[in-house]
Amino acid sequence: MNAQSGDARAATMTAAPPDARCYLAEGVGTAILVLVGPGAAMVAARTHAFGHAGVALAFGLVVTLLVAAFGATSGAHLNPAVTLAFWSAGRFPGRAVAPYVAAQCAGAAAAALALRWLLGPVGGLGATAPALDLPRAFAVEAGYSAVLMLVILAVATDERVPRGVPPFVIGATVGAGALVTGPLTGGSFNPARSLGPAVAGGGWTAHWLYWAGPTLGMLAAARLYEYLRGANPPAVVPRGVPLGVEGPIDASSL
């Protein structure tokens, strides 16, 4: 894609009117993420059917499915930190940031309340809480969130990546992170994922950590990746074209 065609595409995509269906997709997708992810932790606590590895697998699998299902609809951000990182790198329109974040948070809270009704107050409602001191917990959340954002940008901005690949790559990254960091911080990497159980259960201990860590980590990773890549080769999606985690999305819905 040459620069002229990329600029024309960006202008076309950013001139379209908003469509609430895109925001609804983000809310529904984030709700499903919370129902399956923290929901798995609650089921494990209630039934003892599986352990931490099973919960991590549930997180990885649901992200894989959601990216495949919503990648072409809303871009499957499903995470306020991802939305903010795309925006900070000039890869998502500012006018859509607040509606995306609001939809993600509303979906997460609704799902967590539904889980409390279905299963009761078990497993801490899948809430995230640090098992490390705050500086180390912050480093874990920010560090792995940065890794996740680097992976997302790598598969979302390179047009040589086949469309069927991102769901599996991103899902595997989330699953690996949940497996390794779950016992340390809860393995959030997503402010909305932590917000939902906090709203449903009233557990706000160190909640700021799950906003600051993932957001700052992903913001730093977005800038780092743009710098490391250098000049845009022809196979790279140009800046200004709105991105989802699978690549460019149709901004007629933003």
Foldseek 3Di string as FASTA:
>chain_A
DDPVVLVVLLVVQVVADAACVLLLLLLQLLLQLLCQQLVVLQCCQVPVPDDLLVSLLSNLVSQLVSCVVCCQRNLNPLFLLLLLQCVLLLQADPVCSVSNVVSSLNSLQVSLLVSCVVRNCTSLSLAWAAPDPLVVLLCLLLVLLLVLLLLLQVQAFFQVRDLSPLSNSSSVSQSVQSSPCCVGTNSDLGLSSNNNSCNNNVDCVVSVSSVVRSNVSSNVSSVVNPVVVPDDDPRTNDRSFHHRSSYGYRSNND
